[in-house]
């Protein structure tokens, strides 16, 4: 027992020494370093905040978008990012489309705005203010951000550009950034910045997996110039829709079917299926269901080309013009089917009013809406380490 206590004491001592050496042997040096860090973060927050606006969109409760009698009027609060110097603002489309009145709040100004165009593929919308304010955001045009610390700036409970820290986990196979940072009412559409002040991504929502409220998804910044150019020059960019979810699989050993009709990659009347995607779910009344696709079907070819991954299939569907026909080759219970599906049009998800406002206020997990508290806590920890080291000498 005595030896165990000695070991724990020694380990604690070495750990404290390591911390002291790592951060600094001097409190003054530590404070100087942390003061520099604090000043640098303050400057970064201020510069980045000049590209952040609060969006207030009026949403009458009437289904037709007009206010009847004494119907209540809801203000949807979200965040926008200033794209250029002529008044364009990037926003999450579901928070602004179909609203009767849109206002942009920047410092002490309230500027009217309207939706210029919507990108249904990414879920972004481009607004146009009646007069420009703030400064255009600086975009990070590089692909990838895995492991980088990010600064999230967006509206939190009435503060236009509240900062919080997080990390970029990387870009998923579907081209979306996954990151960790506080996700709070009003931050939808907020900017994710690297420590150089460049925009890394635009927050689009969480992954809807479980109750984790700090796992977010964002459109990468390197995609934004192409999206904005399309919206400015051509207007809305539509998105194809089938209404199914799939999982890609490798078929091992390959399935060989003796079939006499003409299919892709058929030789000697043998159809070899080595990979494809299996349907996990078919949405009711969707184009996929109406065409006859079922849960459990293995899709291995579309429009004469083999399906290599679920991501490729999703991309192909999204880029297909609504109304076009997609030709699927399907394996169902050892039989081959040729099914034509008419591509539908993807609509925007309905904006969900948050019912968790009070939960965030009373949560046992504090909302990290300020970097100052974290810096001060770090200073206090270093001071305590230095104090303990002095006691051990």
Protein backbone atom coordinates (compact mmCIF):
# COMPACT_ATOMS: atom_id res chain seq x y z
CA UNK A 1 0.00 0.00 0.00
CA UNK A 2 2.83 2.36 0.89
CA UNK A 3 4.59 1.58 -2.37
CA UNK A 4 1.38 2.25 -4.33
CA UNK A 5 0.95 5.61 -2.58
CA UNK A 6 4.58 6.50 -3.31
CA UNK A 7 4.12 5.56 -6.97
CA UNK A 8 1.00 7.73 -7.32
CA UNK A 9 2.77 10.64 -5.60
CA UNK A 10 5.78 10.28 -7.89
CA UNK A 11 3.60 10.09 -10.99
CA UNK A 12 1.71 13.21 -9.92
CA UNK A 13 4.99 15.01 -9.31
CA UNK A 14 6.42 14.08 -12.70
CA UNK A 15 3.16 15.10 -14.37
CA UNK A 16 3.25 18.51 -12.74
CA UNK A 17 6.89 18.95 -13.73
CA UNK A 18 6.01 18.02 -17.31
CA UNK A 19 3.18 20.59 -17.38
CA UNK A 20 5.41 23.26 -15.99
CA UNK A 21 8.19 22.57 -18.49
CA UNK A 22 5.71 22.32 -21.34
CA UNK A 23 3.94 25.58 -20.66
CA UNK A 24 6.77 27.51 -18.98
CA UNK A 25 8.80 27.58 -15.81
CA UNK A 26 7.74 31.13 -15.15
CA UNK A 27 4.27 32.43 -14.35
CA UNK A 28 5.12 35.73 -16.01
CA UNK A 29 6.21 33.98 -19.18
CA UNK A 30 3.01 31.91 -19.14
CA UNK A 31 0.88 34.97 -18.63
CA UNK A 32 2.69 36.76 -21.41
CA UNK A 33 2.15 33.82 -23.75
CA UNK A 34 -1.53 33.50 -22.83
CA UNK A 35 -2.05 37.24 -23.10
CA UNK A 36 -0.62 37.05 -26.62
CA UNK A 37 -2.93 34.14 -27.37
CA UNK A 38 -5.90 36.05 -26.00
CA UNK A 39 -5.04 39.16 -28.02
CA UNK A 40 -4.61 37.08 -31.16
CA UNK A 41 -7.98 35.38 -30.67
CA UNK A 42 -9.67 38.70 -29.97
CA UNK A 43 -8.28 40.08 -33.21
CA UNK A 44 -9.32 36.95 -35.12
CA UNK A 45 -12.86 37.11 -33.70
CA UNK A 46 -13.23 40.79 -34.51
CA UNK A 47 -12.00 40.45 -38.10
CA UNK A 48 -14.13 37.39 -38.79
CA UNK A 49 -17.21 38.91 -37.15
CA UNK A 50 -17.26 41.66 -39.79
CA UNK A 51 -18.49 39.02 -42.25
CA UNK A 52 -21.27 37.69 -39.99
CA UNK A 53 -24.87 38.91 -39.95
CA UNK A 54 -28.05 37.91 -38.15
CA UNK A 55 -31.04 37.03 -40.34
CA UNK A 56 -34.58 37.62 -39.10
CA UNK A 57 -37.22 36.08 -41.35
CA UNK A 58 -40.90 36.58 -40.63
CA UNK A 59 -42.95 33.40 -40.88
CA UNK A 60 -46.74 33.79 -40.48
CA UNK A 61 -48.38 30.67 -39.09
CA UNK A 62 -50.81 30.53 -42.04
CA UNK A 63 -49.97 27.75 -44.49
CA UNK A 64 -50.24 30.07 -47.46
CA UNK A 65 -47.57 32.40 -46.08
CA UNK A 66 -49.96 35.27 -45.33
CA UNK A 67 -51.16 36.51 -42.00
CA UNK A 68 -54.88 36.08 -41.35
CA UNK A 69 -56.77 38.01 -38.66
CA UNK A 70 -54.73 37.78 -35.46
CA UNK A 71 -52.52 34.86 -36.40
CA UNK A 72 -49.20 34.88 -34.55
CA UNK A 73 -46.09 35.83 -36.49
CA UNK A 74 -42.83 33.99 -35.86
CA UNK A 75 -39.39 35.41 -36.42
CA UNK A 76 -36.93 32.76 -37.56
CA UNK A 77 -33.47 33.68 -36.36
CA UNK A 78 -30.44 32.35 -38.21
CA UNK A 79 -26.97 33.44 -39.27
CA UNK A 80 -25.71 34.67 -42.63
CA UNK A 81 -22.29 35.21 -44.17
CA UNK A 82 -21.40 38.21 -46.32
CA UNK A 83 -20.21 36.81 -49.65
CA UNK A 84 -19.24 39.89 -51.66
CA UNK A 85 -19.14 43.68 -51.61
CA UNK A 86 -22.40 44.19 -53.54
CA UNK A 87 -24.75 42.82 -50.89
CA UNK A 88 -24.92 39.05 -51.39
CA UNK A 89 -25.32 36.95 -48.23
CA UNK A 90 -25.08 33.17 -47.87
CA UNK A 91 -27.79 31.55 -45.74
CA UNK A 92 -29.38 28.18 -45.06
CA UNK A 93 -32.23 28.00 -47.55
CA UNK A 94 -34.78 26.35 -45.24
CA UNK A 95 -34.55 29.30 -42.82
CA UNK A 96 -35.37 32.00 -45.39
CA UNK A 97 -37.42 30.59 -48.26
CA UNK A 98 -41.15 31.25 -48.18
CA UNK A 99 -40.81 34.03 -45.61
CA UNK A 100 -42.82 37.19 -46.10
CA UNK A 101 -40.19 39.58 -44.76
CA UNK A 102 -36.41 39.19 -44.37
CA UNK A 103 -34.18 41.59 -42.46
CA UNK A 104 -30.40 41.54 -42.10
CA UNK A 105 -29.09 42.77 -38.77
CA UNK A 106 -25.52 44.06 -38.64
CA UNK A 107 -24.39 46.04 -35.60
CA UNK A 108 -27.07 48.76 -35.25
CA UNK A 109 -28.45 48.43 -38.79
CA UNK A 110 -31.51 46.55 -40.07
CA UNK A 111 -31.34 46.06 -43.84
CA UNK A 112 -34.16 44.55 -45.94
CA UNK A 113 -33.18 41.59 -48.10
CA UNK A 114 -34.74 39.02 -50.40
CA UNK A 115 -33.90 35.55 -51.62
CA UNK A 116 -32.18 35.77 -55.00
CA UNK A 117 -31.72 32.06 -55.67
CA UNK A 118 -31.64 28.67 -53.95
CA UNK A 119 -29.24 25.77 -54.39
CA UNK A 120 -31.33 22.68 -53.63
CA UNK A 121 -28.28 20.42 -53.90
CA UNK A 122 -26.31 22.01 -51.06
CA UNK A 123 -29.22 23.60 -49.17
CA UNK A 124 -27.71 27.09 -49.41
CA UNK A 125 -29.53 30.24 -50.50
CA UNK A 126 -28.17 33.51 -51.77
CA UNK A 127 -29.77 36.67 -50.36
CA UNK A 128 -29.43 40.18 -51.74
CA UNK A 129 -29.44 43.15 -49.35
CA UNK A 130 -30.69 46.54 -50.50
CA UNK A 131 -27.33 47.96 -49.47
CA UNK A 132 -24.04 46.23 -48.62
CA UNK A 133 -22.69 46.14 -45.07
CA UNK A 134 -19.69 44.58 -43.36
CA UNK A 135 -16.82 42.91 -45.20
CA UNK A 136 -16.86 39.98 -47.65
CA UNK A 137 -15.65 36.74 -46.13
CA UNK A 138 -12.24 35.34 -47.10
CA UNK A 139 -12.67 31.77 -48.35
CA UNK A 140 -10.32 28.88 -47.70
CA UNK A 141 -10.24 27.17 -51.09
CA UNK A 142 -8.25 24.13 -49.96
CA UNK A 143 -9.81 20.67 -49.76
CA UNK A 144 -9.75 19.11 -46.31
CA UNK A 145 -9.47 20.41 -42.77
CA UNK A 146 -9.09 17.28 -40.64
CA UNK A 147 -7.65 18.00 -37.21
CA UNK A 148 -7.71 21.78 -37.55
CA UNK A 149 -9.06 23.93 -34.74
CA UNK A 150 -11.99 26.00 -35.94
CA UNK A 151 -13.74 29.10 -34.69
CA UNK A 152 -17.53 29.04 -35.08
CA UNK A 153 -19.18 32.47 -35.28
CA UNK A 154 -22.93 32.89 -35.33
CA UNK A 155 -25.98 34.31 -33.64
CA UNK A 156 -26.51 32.97 -30.13
CA UNK A 157 -29.51 34.27 -28.15
CA UNK A 158 -29.37 37.72 -29.74
CA UNK A 159 -25.59 38.18 -30.03
CA UNK A 160 -24.71 38.47 -33.72
CA UNK A 161 -21.25 36.86 -33.70
CA UNK A 162 -20.78 34.75 -30.60
CA UNK A 163 -17.56 32.70 -30.76
CA UNK A 164 -16.99 29.07 -29.81
CA UNK A 165 -14.15 26.67 -30.46
CA UNK A 166 -14.25 23.25 -32.07
CA UNK A 167 -12.35 20.91 -34.34
CA UNK A 168 -12.81 19.78 -37.93
CA UNK A 169 -13.12 16.00 -38.12
CA UNK A 170 -12.69 16.00 -41.90
CA UNK A 171 -14.73 15.81 -45.08
CA UNK A 172 -17.07 12.84 -45.35
CA UNK A 173 -17.51 10.71 -48.46
CA UNK A 174 -20.59 12.76 -49.40
CA UNK A 175 -18.49 15.94 -49.51
CA UNK A 176 -19.77 17.43 -46.24
CA UNK A 177 -17.56 18.66 -43.41
CA UNK A 178 -18.11 17.04 -40.03
CA UNK A 179 -17.02 19.06 -37.01
CA UNK A 180 -17.43 19.47 -33.26
CA UNK A 181 -18.56 22.78 -31.79
CA UNK A 182 -21.60 23.98 -29.82
CA UNK A 183 -24.80 23.83 -31.87
CA UNK A 184 -27.27 26.36 -30.50
CA UNK A 185 -30.48 27.99 -31.70
CA UNK A 186 -29.64 30.77 -34.15
CA UNK A 187 -26.24 29.42 -35.21
CA UNK A 188 -27.72 27.73 -38.30
CA UNK A 189 -25.76 29.18 -41.22
CA UNK A 190 -22.86 30.31 -39.03
CA UNK A 191 -19.32 30.45 -40.35
CA UNK A 192 -16.53 28.05 -39.45
CA UNK A 193 -13.19 29.83 -39.59
CA UNK A 194 -9.64 28.55 -39.35
CA UNK A 195 -7.13 30.39 -37.17
CA UNK A 196 -6.04 32.44 -40.18
CA UNK A 197 -9.51 33.97 -40.40
CA UNK A 198 -10.52 32.12 -43.57
CA UNK A 199 -13.96 30.56 -43.93
CA UNK A 200 -13.74 26.76 -43.84
CA UNK A 201 -17.43 25.94 -44.06
CA UNK A 202 -21.06 26.98 -43.51
CA UNK A 203 -22.97 25.16 -40.77
CA UNK A 204 -26.05 23.40 -42.19
CA UNK A 205 -27.31 21.40 -39.19
CA UNK A 206 -26.47 18.30 -37.19
CA UNK A 207 -26.36 14.68 -38.27
CA UNK A 208 -29.60 13.77 -36.42
CA UNK A 209 -27.84 10.82 -34.81
CA UNK A 210 -28.82 10.51 -31.14
CA UNK A 211 -28.92 13.48 -28.79
CA UNK A 212 -25.44 14.84 -29.37
CA UNK A 213 -25.80 18.59 -29.81
CA UNK A 214 -22.18 19.35 -30.64
CA UNK A 215 -21.71 17.32 -33.84
CA UNK A 216 -22.35 19.47 -36.87
CA UNK A 217 -22.28 19.30 -40.66
CA UNK A 218 -21.15 22.07 -42.98
CA UNK A 219 -20.80 22.86 -46.68
CA UNK A 220 -17.06 23.20 -47.42
CA UNK A 221 -15.89 26.66 -48.40
CA UNK A 222 -14.07 25.44 -51.51
CA UNK A 223 -17.47 24.60 -53.05
CA UNK A 224 -19.00 28.02 -52.37
CA UNK A 225 -17.56 29.99 -55.35
CA UNK A 226 -19.07 27.48 -57.80
CA UNK A 227 -22.40 27.49 -55.97
CA UNK A 228 -22.57 31.28 -55.78
CA UNK A 229 -21.58 31.71 -59.44
CA UNK A 230 -24.35 29.36 -60.54
CA UNK A 231 -26.97 31.08 -58.38
CA UNK A 232 -25.97 34.58 -59.50
CA UNK A 233 -25.82 33.77 -63.21
CA UNK A 234 -28.50 31.08 -63.63
CA UNK A 235 -30.82 31.27 -60.63
CA UNK A 236 -32.08 28.25 -58.70
CA UNK A 237 -30.13 25.01 -59.02
CA UNK A 238 -32.56 22.09 -58.84
CA UNK A 239 -31.84 18.72 -57.28
CA UNK A 240 -33.07 15.31 -58.37
CA UNK A 241 -34.86 13.03 -55.90
CA UNK A 242 -35.76 9.33 -55.82
CA UNK A 243 -36.74 8.75 -52.20
CA UNK A 244 -34.53 5.89 -51.09
CA UNK A 245 -31.52 5.21 -48.89
CA UNK A 246 -28.85 2.69 -49.80
CA UNK A 247 -25.73 0.96 -48.53
CA UNK A 248 -22.95 -0.10 -50.86
CA UNK A 249 -21.74 -3.69 -50.72
CA UNK A 250 -19.09 -5.89 -52.25
CA UNK A 251 -20.50 -9.23 -53.44
CA UNK A 252 -18.05 -12.00 -52.55
CA UNK A 253 -17.98 -14.40 -54.17
CA UNK A 254 -19.54 -12.65 -57.18
CA UNK A 255 -23.04 -13.62 -58.23
CA UNK A 256 -23.11 -15.18 -61.69
CA UNK A 257 -26.49 -15.37 -63.37
CA UNK A 258 -27.19 -17.12 -66.62
CA UNK A 259 -29.31 -14.55 -68.39
CA UNK A 260 -30.07 -14.22 -72.10
CA UNK A 261 -31.19 -10.60 -72.30
CA UNK A 262 -28.72 -7.83 -73.06
CA UNK A 263 -27.35 -6.21 -69.90
CA UNK A 264 -24.26 -4.20 -69.15
CA UNK A 265 -21.04 -6.26 -68.99
CA UNK A 266 -22.81 -9.47 -70.08
CA UNK A 267 -20.62 -11.98 -71.94
CA UNK A 268 -21.55 -15.52 -72.92
CA UNK A 269 -25.03 -14.94 -71.46
CA UNK A 270 -23.54 -14.71 -67.95
CA UNK A 271 -24.19 -11.67 -65.78
CA UNK A 272 -21.51 -11.18 -63.10
CA UNK A 273 -22.44 -8.97 -60.14
CA UNK A 274 -19.50 -8.03 -57.90
CA UNK A 275 -20.73 -4.81 -56.29
CA UNK A 276 -23.68 -2.47 -56.02
CA UNK A 277 -25.93 -0.80 -53.48
CA UNK A 278 -28.70 -2.38 -51.42
CA UNK A 279 -31.87 -0.38 -50.73
CA UNK A 280 -32.40 0.11 -46.98
CA UNK A 281 -35.54 2.23 -47.17
CA UNK A 282 -38.03 3.44 -49.77
CA UNK A 283 -39.99 6.59 -48.91
CA UNK A 284 -43.76 6.23 -49.25
CA UNK A 285 -45.22 7.78 -52.42
CA UNK A 286 -41.72 8.65 -53.65
CA UNK A 287 -40.60 8.23 -57.29
CA UNK A 288 -38.71 5.08 -56.23
CA UNK A 289 -41.81 3.47 -54.70
CA UNK A 290 -44.02 4.47 -57.62
CA UNK A 291 -41.55 2.85 -60.01
CA UNK A 292 -41.58 -0.42 -58.05
CA UNK A 293 -38.26 -0.39 -56.23
CA UNK A 294 -38.33 -2.26 -52.89
CA UNK A 295 -36.34 -2.56 -49.72
CA UNK A 296 -33.67 -5.24 -50.18
CA UNK A 297 -33.22 -4.69 -53.92
CA UNK A 298 -29.62 -4.72 -55.11
CA UNK A 299 -28.99 -1.94 -57.64
CA UNK A 300 -25.92 -2.75 -59.72
CA UNK A 301 -26.31 -0.63 -62.85
CA UNK A 302 -27.81 2.76 -63.74
CA UNK A 303 -28.15 4.11 -67.29
CA UNK A 304 -25.87 1.36 -68.57
CA UNK A 305 -23.04 2.07 -66.11
CA UNK A 306 -22.11 -0.09 -63.15
CA UNK A 307 -22.82 1.46 -59.73
CA UNK A 308 -19.55 1.68 -57.80
CA UNK A 309 -20.68 3.37 -54.58
CA UNK A 310 -23.68 4.84 -52.79
CA UNK A 311 -22.08 8.28 -52.96
CA UNK A 312 -21.77 8.07 -56.75
CA UNK A 313 -25.42 7.08 -56.98
CA UNK A 314 -26.53 9.98 -54.80
CA UNK A 315 -24.46 12.41 -56.85
CA UNK A 316 -25.90 11.05 -60.08
CA UNK A 317 -29.46 11.42 -58.79
CA UNK A 318 -28.92 14.92 -57.46
CA UNK A 319 -27.43 16.13 -60.71
CA UNK A 320 -30.23 14.63 -62.80
CA UNK A 321 -32.86 17.05 -64.04
CA UNK A 322 -36.28 16.43 -62.45
CA UNK A 323 -38.47 14.58 -64.92
CA UNK A 324 -35.67 12.60 -66.56
CA UNK A 325 -35.70 8.79 -66.56
CA UNK A 326 -33.06 6.71 -64.78
CA UNK A 327 -32.72 3.08 -65.92
CA UNK A 328 -31.81 0.68 -63.10
CA UNK A 329 -30.74 -2.93 -63.34
CA UNK A 330 -31.89 -4.67 -60.17
CA UNK A 331 -31.18 -8.03 -58.58
CA UNK A 332 -34.16 -9.23 -56.54
CA UNK A 333 -34.27 -12.73 -55.10
CA UNK A 334 -31.95 -14.16 -57.78
CA UNK A 335 -33.96 -12.54 -60.57
CA UNK A 336 -32.98 -9.58 -62.73
CA UNK A 337 -35.35 -6.66 -63.27
CA UNK A 338 -35.02 -3.61 -65.46
CA UNK A 339 -36.82 -0.68 -63.75
CA UNK A 340 -37.25 2.86 -65.07
CA UNK A 341 -37.61 5.61 -62.45
CA UNK A 342 -38.76 9.14 -63.19
CA UNK A 343 -36.61 11.53 -61.20
CA UNK A 344 -38.53 13.81 -58.85
CA UNK A 345 -37.57 17.19 -57.47
CA UNK A 346 -35.98 17.46 -54.06
CA UNK A 347 -37.64 20.00 -51.79
CA UNK A 348 -36.11 21.85 -48.87
CA UNK A 349 -36.61 20.39 -45.40
CA UNK A 350 -39.11 22.34 -43.33
CA UNK A 351 -37.58 24.62 -40.74
CA UNK A 352 -38.09 23.12 -37.30
CA UNK A 353 -38.71 25.56 -34.49
CA UNK A 354 -36.35 24.55 -31.71
CA UNK A 355 -38.06 23.24 -28.59
CA UNK A 356 -34.79 22.94 -26.71
CA UNK A 357 -34.21 26.60 -25.86
CA UNK A 358 -34.80 26.09 -22.14
CA UNK A 359 -32.84 22.84 -22.16
CA UNK A 360 -29.78 24.69 -23.39
CA UNK A 361 -30.17 27.29 -20.66
CA UNK A 362 -30.49 24.74 -17.89
CA UNK A 363 -28.12 22.13 -19.27
CA UNK A 364 -25.42 20.90 -16.97
CA UNK A 365 -23.04 21.39 -19.89
CA UNK A 366 -22.16 25.12 -20.01
CA UNK A 367 -22.54 26.90 -23.34
CA UNK A 368 -19.09 27.99 -24.44
CA UNK A 369 -20.11 31.32 -25.91
CA UNK A 370 -16.90 33.14 -24.94
CA UNK A 371 -13.22 32.39 -25.33
CA UNK A 372 -12.26 34.71 -22.49
CA UNK A 373 -13.47 32.33 -19.80
CA UNK A 374 -11.47 29.47 -21.27
CA UNK A 375 -8.31 31.58 -21.42
CA UNK A 376 -8.75 32.73 -17.83
CA UNK A 377 -9.31 29.15 -16.70
CA UNK A 378 -6.12 28.10 -18.44
CA UNK A 379 -4.20 30.87 -16.69
CA UNK A 380 -5.56 29.71 -13.34
CA UNK A 381 -4.54 26.11 -14.04
CA UNK A 382 -0.99 27.17 -14.89
CA UNK A 383 -0.79 29.28 -11.75
CA UNK A 384 -1.87 26.30 -9.63
CA UNK A 385 0.69 24.07 -11.32
CA UNK A 386 3.44 26.58 -10.58
CA UNK A 387 2.29 26.86 -6.99
CA UNK A 388 2.35 23.10 -6.48
CA UNK A 389 5.84 22.87 -7.99
CA UNK A 390 7.10 25.42 -5.49
CA UNK A 391 5.64 23.36 -2.66
CA UNK A 392 7.40 20.22 -3.91
CA UNK A 393 10.83 21.87 -4.03
